[in-house]
Amino acid sequence: MKPEYDFSKAKRGAVVPQKGKTRITIYLDNDVIESFRERADKAGCGYQTVINQVLRDYLNKPETLMDENKLRRVLREELKVI
């Protein structure tokens, strides 16, 4: 190890910049993170990759409209609570 290093031309940031990705800070429940870590271990990839894929799948999921049967079921469930 050198006694002194020259950082005058150094740049802050990631060693390898990621194209198309942004680093963020997000707070998630511990059990949610643990679940994603377990899934990632089984899949053989990183848990952040799994979270990204789950979010992508959700966003690409077609929106389903509430039909009459669904609405009636929800109303029945809610009226039971009252």
N, C-alpha and C. Protein backbone atom coordinates (compact mmCIF):
# COMPACT_ATOMS: atom_id res chain seq x y z
N MET A 1 0.84 -1.17 0.00
CA MET A 1 0.00 0.00 0.00
C MET A 1 0.89 1.24 0.00
N LYS A 2 0.50 2.19 -0.82
CA LYS A 2 1.27 3.42 -0.91
C LYS A 2 1.02 4.29 0.33
N PRO A 3 2.01 5.08 0.70
CA PRO A 3 1.80 5.97 1.85
C PRO A 3 0.81 7.09 1.53
N GLU A 4 0.68 7.45 0.23
CA GLU A 4 -0.22 8.53 -0.14
C GLU A 4 -0.79 8.26 -1.54
N TYR A 5 -2.06 8.58 -1.74
CA TYR A 5 -2.72 8.39 -3.03
C TYR A 5 -3.20 9.72 -3.57
N ASP A 6 -3.23 9.85 -4.92
CA ASP A 6 -3.67 11.08 -5.55
C ASP A 6 -5.11 10.91 -6.04
N PHE A 7 -6.03 11.57 -5.39
CA PHE A 7 -7.43 11.50 -5.76
C PHE A 7 -7.89 12.78 -6.47
N SER A 8 -6.99 13.58 -6.97
CA SER A 8 -7.36 14.85 -7.58
C SER A 8 -8.20 14.68 -8.84
N LYS A 9 -8.07 13.56 -9.54
CA LYS A 9 -8.85 13.32 -10.77
C LYS A 9 -9.93 12.27 -10.56
N ALA A 10 -10.19 11.93 -9.32
CA ALA A 10 -11.19 10.91 -9.01
C ALA A 10 -12.60 11.45 -9.22
N LYS A 11 -13.53 10.54 -9.52
CA LYS A 11 -14.93 10.90 -9.69
C LYS A 11 -15.74 10.08 -8.71
N ARG A 12 -16.73 10.72 -8.10
CA ARG A 12 -17.63 10.02 -7.19
C ARG A 12 -18.68 9.28 -8.00
N GLY A 13 -19.18 8.22 -7.44
CA GLY A 13 -20.27 7.52 -8.09
C GLY A 13 -19.99 6.04 -8.25
N ALA A 14 -20.89 5.38 -8.94
CA ALA A 14 -20.77 3.95 -9.16
C ALA A 14 -19.53 3.64 -9.99
N VAL A 15 -18.95 2.50 -9.71
CA VAL A 15 -17.77 2.08 -10.47
C VAL A 15 -18.16 1.86 -11.92
N VAL A 16 -19.26 1.18 -12.14
CA VAL A 16 -19.77 0.95 -13.49
C VAL A 16 -21.16 1.56 -13.57
N PRO A 17 -21.33 2.66 -14.29
CA PRO A 17 -22.66 3.28 -14.35
C PRO A 17 -23.67 2.34 -15.03
N GLN A 18 -24.89 2.33 -14.51
CA GLN A 18 -25.95 1.49 -15.05
C GLN A 18 -26.81 2.30 -16.00
N LYS A 19 -26.97 1.82 -17.22
CA LYS A 19 -27.85 2.50 -18.17
C LYS A 19 -29.27 1.98 -17.96
N GLY A 20 -30.21 2.90 -17.87
CA GLY A 20 -31.61 2.51 -17.73
C GLY A 20 -32.02 2.16 -16.32
N LYS A 21 -31.15 2.39 -15.35
CA LYS A 21 -31.48 2.09 -13.96
C LYS A 21 -31.14 3.30 -13.11
N THR A 22 -31.90 3.48 -12.04
CA THR A 22 -31.69 4.58 -11.12
C THR A 22 -31.61 4.03 -9.71
N ARG A 23 -30.61 4.48 -8.98
CA ARG A 23 -30.46 4.06 -7.58
C ARG A 23 -31.41 4.90 -6.73
N ILE A 24 -32.21 4.22 -5.89
CA ILE A 24 -33.12 4.91 -4.99
C ILE A 24 -32.99 4.33 -3.59
N THR A 25 -33.55 5.04 -2.63
CA THR A 25 -33.66 4.53 -1.27
C THR A 25 -35.13 4.34 -1.00
N ILE A 26 -35.50 3.16 -0.51
CA ILE A 26 -36.90 2.86 -0.24
C ILE A 26 -36.97 2.05 1.05
N TYR A 27 -37.96 2.32 1.86
CA TYR A 27 -38.16 1.57 3.09
C TYR A 27 -39.24 0.52 2.85
N LEU A 28 -38.89 -0.74 3.11
CA LEU A 28 -39.83 -1.85 2.99
C LEU A 28 -39.83 -2.61 4.31
N ASP A 29 -40.92 -3.28 4.60
CA ASP A 29 -41.01 -4.07 5.82
C ASP A 29 -39.99 -5.20 5.78
N ASN A 30 -39.46 -5.54 6.95
CA ASN A 30 -38.44 -6.58 7.05
C ASN A 30 -38.91 -7.91 6.49
N ASP A 31 -40.17 -8.27 6.76
CA ASP A 31 -40.67 -9.56 6.27
C ASP A 31 -40.79 -9.57 4.76
N VAL A 32 -41.08 -8.42 4.17
CA VAL A 32 -41.16 -8.32 2.71
C VAL A 32 -39.78 -8.53 2.10
N ILE A 33 -38.78 -7.87 2.65
CA ILE A 33 -37.40 -8.02 2.16
C ILE A 33 -36.95 -9.47 2.31
N GLU A 34 -37.24 -10.07 3.45
CA GLU A 34 -36.82 -11.45 3.69
C GLU A 34 -37.47 -12.40 2.68
N SER A 35 -38.74 -12.16 2.38
CA SER A 35 -39.43 -12.99 1.40
C SER A 35 -38.78 -12.87 0.02
N PHE A 36 -38.43 -11.65 -0.37
CA PHE A 36 -37.78 -11.45 -1.66
C PHE A 36 -36.38 -12.06 -1.67
N ARG A 37 -35.68 -12.01 -0.56
CA ARG A 37 -34.35 -12.62 -0.48
C ARG A 37 -34.45 -14.13 -0.64
N GLU A 38 -35.46 -14.73 -0.02
CA GLU A 38 -35.66 -16.18 -0.16
C GLU A 38 -35.98 -16.54 -1.60
N ARG A 39 -36.86 -15.78 -2.23
CA ARG A 39 -37.19 -16.02 -3.65
C ARG A 39 -35.96 -15.88 -4.53
N ALA A 40 -35.16 -14.87 -4.24
CA ALA A 40 -33.96 -14.62 -5.03
C ALA A 40 -32.96 -15.76 -4.88
N ASP A 41 -32.81 -16.27 -3.66
CA ASP A 41 -31.89 -17.40 -3.43
C ASP A 41 -32.33 -18.61 -4.26
N LYS A 42 -33.63 -18.87 -4.27
CA LYS A 42 -34.15 -20.01 -5.05
C LYS A 42 -33.95 -19.80 -6.55
N ALA A 43 -34.08 -18.53 -6.99
CA ALA A 43 -33.95 -18.22 -8.42
C ALA A 43 -32.49 -18.04 -8.83
N GLY A 44 -31.61 -17.88 -7.85
CA GLY A 44 -30.19 -17.71 -8.15
C GLY A 44 -29.84 -16.33 -8.68
N CYS A 45 -30.55 -15.32 -8.16
CA CYS A 45 -30.25 -13.94 -8.56
C CYS A 45 -30.38 -13.03 -7.35
N GLY A 46 -30.23 -11.73 -7.55
CA GLY A 46 -30.32 -10.78 -6.45
C GLY A 46 -31.75 -10.43 -6.10
N TYR A 47 -31.96 -10.09 -4.83
CA TYR A 47 -33.33 -9.78 -4.41
C TYR A 47 -33.85 -8.50 -5.06
N GLN A 48 -32.97 -7.56 -5.37
CA GLN A 48 -33.43 -6.34 -6.04
C GLN A 48 -33.92 -6.64 -7.45
N THR A 49 -33.29 -7.61 -8.09
CA THR A 49 -33.73 -8.03 -9.42
C THR A 49 -35.12 -8.64 -9.34
N VAL A 50 -35.37 -9.43 -8.30
CA VAL A 50 -36.69 -10.05 -8.13
C VAL A 50 -37.74 -8.97 -7.86
N ILE A 51 -37.43 -8.02 -7.00
CA ILE A 51 -38.38 -6.93 -6.73
C ILE A 51 -38.68 -6.17 -8.01
N ASN A 52 -37.66 -5.87 -8.80
CA ASN A 52 -37.85 -5.16 -10.06
C ASN A 52 -38.76 -5.95 -11.01
N GLN A 53 -38.56 -7.26 -11.09
CA GLN A 53 -39.37 -8.09 -11.99
C GLN A 53 -40.82 -8.15 -11.52
N VAL A 54 -41.03 -8.26 -10.21
CA VAL A 54 -42.40 -8.29 -9.68
C VAL A 54 -43.11 -6.98 -9.97
N LEU A 55 -42.42 -5.87 -9.78
CA LEU A 55 -43.02 -4.57 -10.09
C LEU A 55 -43.32 -4.44 -11.58
N ARG A 56 -42.39 -4.91 -12.43
CA ARG A 56 -42.60 -4.85 -13.88
C ARG A 56 -43.81 -5.70 -14.28
N ASP A 57 -43.91 -6.90 -13.72
CA ASP A 57 -45.06 -7.78 -14.02
C ASP A 57 -46.37 -7.11 -13.61
N TYR A 58 -46.36 -6.48 -12.44
CA TYR A 58 -47.57 -5.79 -11.97
C TYR A 58 -47.96 -4.66 -12.92
N LEU A 59 -46.97 -3.86 -13.33
CA LEU A 59 -47.26 -2.74 -14.21
C LEU A 59 -47.73 -3.19 -15.59
N ASN A 60 -47.27 -4.35 -16.04
CA ASN A 60 -47.66 -4.85 -17.36
C ASN A 60 -48.96 -5.64 -17.33
N LYS A 61 -49.47 -5.88 -16.14
CA LYS A 61 -50.71 -6.64 -16.00
C LYS A 61 -51.88 -5.80 -16.50
N PRO A 62 -52.70 -6.35 -17.37
CA PRO A 62 -53.83 -5.55 -17.87
C PRO A 62 -54.80 -5.24 -16.73
N GLU A 63 -55.31 -4.02 -16.75
CA GLU A 63 -56.26 -3.61 -15.74
C GLU A 63 -57.59 -4.29 -16.00
N THR A 64 -58.12 -4.91 -14.97
CA THR A 64 -59.42 -5.56 -15.13
C THR A 64 -60.49 -4.67 -14.51
N LEU A 65 -61.53 -4.48 -15.26
CA LEU A 65 -62.63 -3.68 -14.76
C LEU A 65 -63.47 -4.52 -13.81
N MET A 66 -64.13 -3.85 -12.90
CA MET A 66 -64.97 -4.56 -11.96
C MET A 66 -66.31 -4.82 -12.63
N ASP A 67 -66.63 -6.10 -12.81
CA ASP A 67 -67.92 -6.43 -13.41
C ASP A 67 -68.97 -6.53 -12.30
N GLU A 68 -70.19 -6.78 -12.70
CA GLU A 68 -71.31 -6.79 -11.75
C GLU A 68 -71.13 -7.85 -10.67
N ASN A 69 -70.64 -9.03 -11.06
CA ASN A 69 -70.47 -10.11 -10.08
C ASN A 69 -69.41 -9.76 -9.03
N LYS A 70 -68.32 -9.17 -9.45
CA LYS A 70 -67.29 -8.77 -8.49
C LYS A 70 -67.82 -7.70 -7.55
N LEU A 71 -68.54 -6.74 -8.10
CA LEU A 71 -69.08 -5.67 -7.28
C LEU A 71 -70.06 -6.23 -6.25
N ARG A 72 -70.93 -7.13 -6.66
CA ARG A 72 -71.87 -7.74 -5.72
C ARG A 72 -71.14 -8.50 -4.62
N ARG A 73 -70.08 -9.24 -4.98
CA ARG A 73 -69.32 -10.00 -3.99
C ARG A 73 -68.66 -9.07 -2.97
N VAL A 74 -68.07 -7.99 -3.45
CA VAL A 74 -67.42 -7.03 -2.56
C VAL A 74 -68.45 -6.40 -1.63
N LEU A 75 -69.58 -6.01 -2.16
CA LEU A 75 -70.63 -5.41 -1.34
C LEU A 75 -71.13 -6.38 -0.27
N ARG A 76 -71.31 -7.64 -0.64
CA ARG A 76 -71.75 -8.64 0.34
C ARG A 76 -70.74 -8.79 1.46
N GLU A 77 -69.45 -8.86 1.09
CA GLU A 77 -68.38 -9.00 2.08
C GLU A 77 -68.35 -7.80 3.01
N GLU A 78 -68.49 -6.61 2.46
CA GLU A 78 -68.43 -5.40 3.27
C GLU A 78 -69.66 -5.27 4.15
N LEU A 79 -70.83 -5.67 3.64
CA LEU A 79 -72.05 -5.56 4.43
C LEU A 79 -72.06 -6.55 5.59
N LYS A 80 -71.34 -7.66 5.46
CA LYS A 80 -71.26 -8.62 6.57
C LYS A 80 -70.52 -8.00 7.75
N VAL A 81 -69.58 -7.14 7.48
CA VAL A 81 -68.78 -6.52 8.53
C VAL A 81 -69.62 -5.54 9.35
N ILE A 82 -70.59 -4.89 8.71
CA ILE A 82 -71.39 -3.85 9.37
C ILE A 82 -72.39 -4.44 10.32
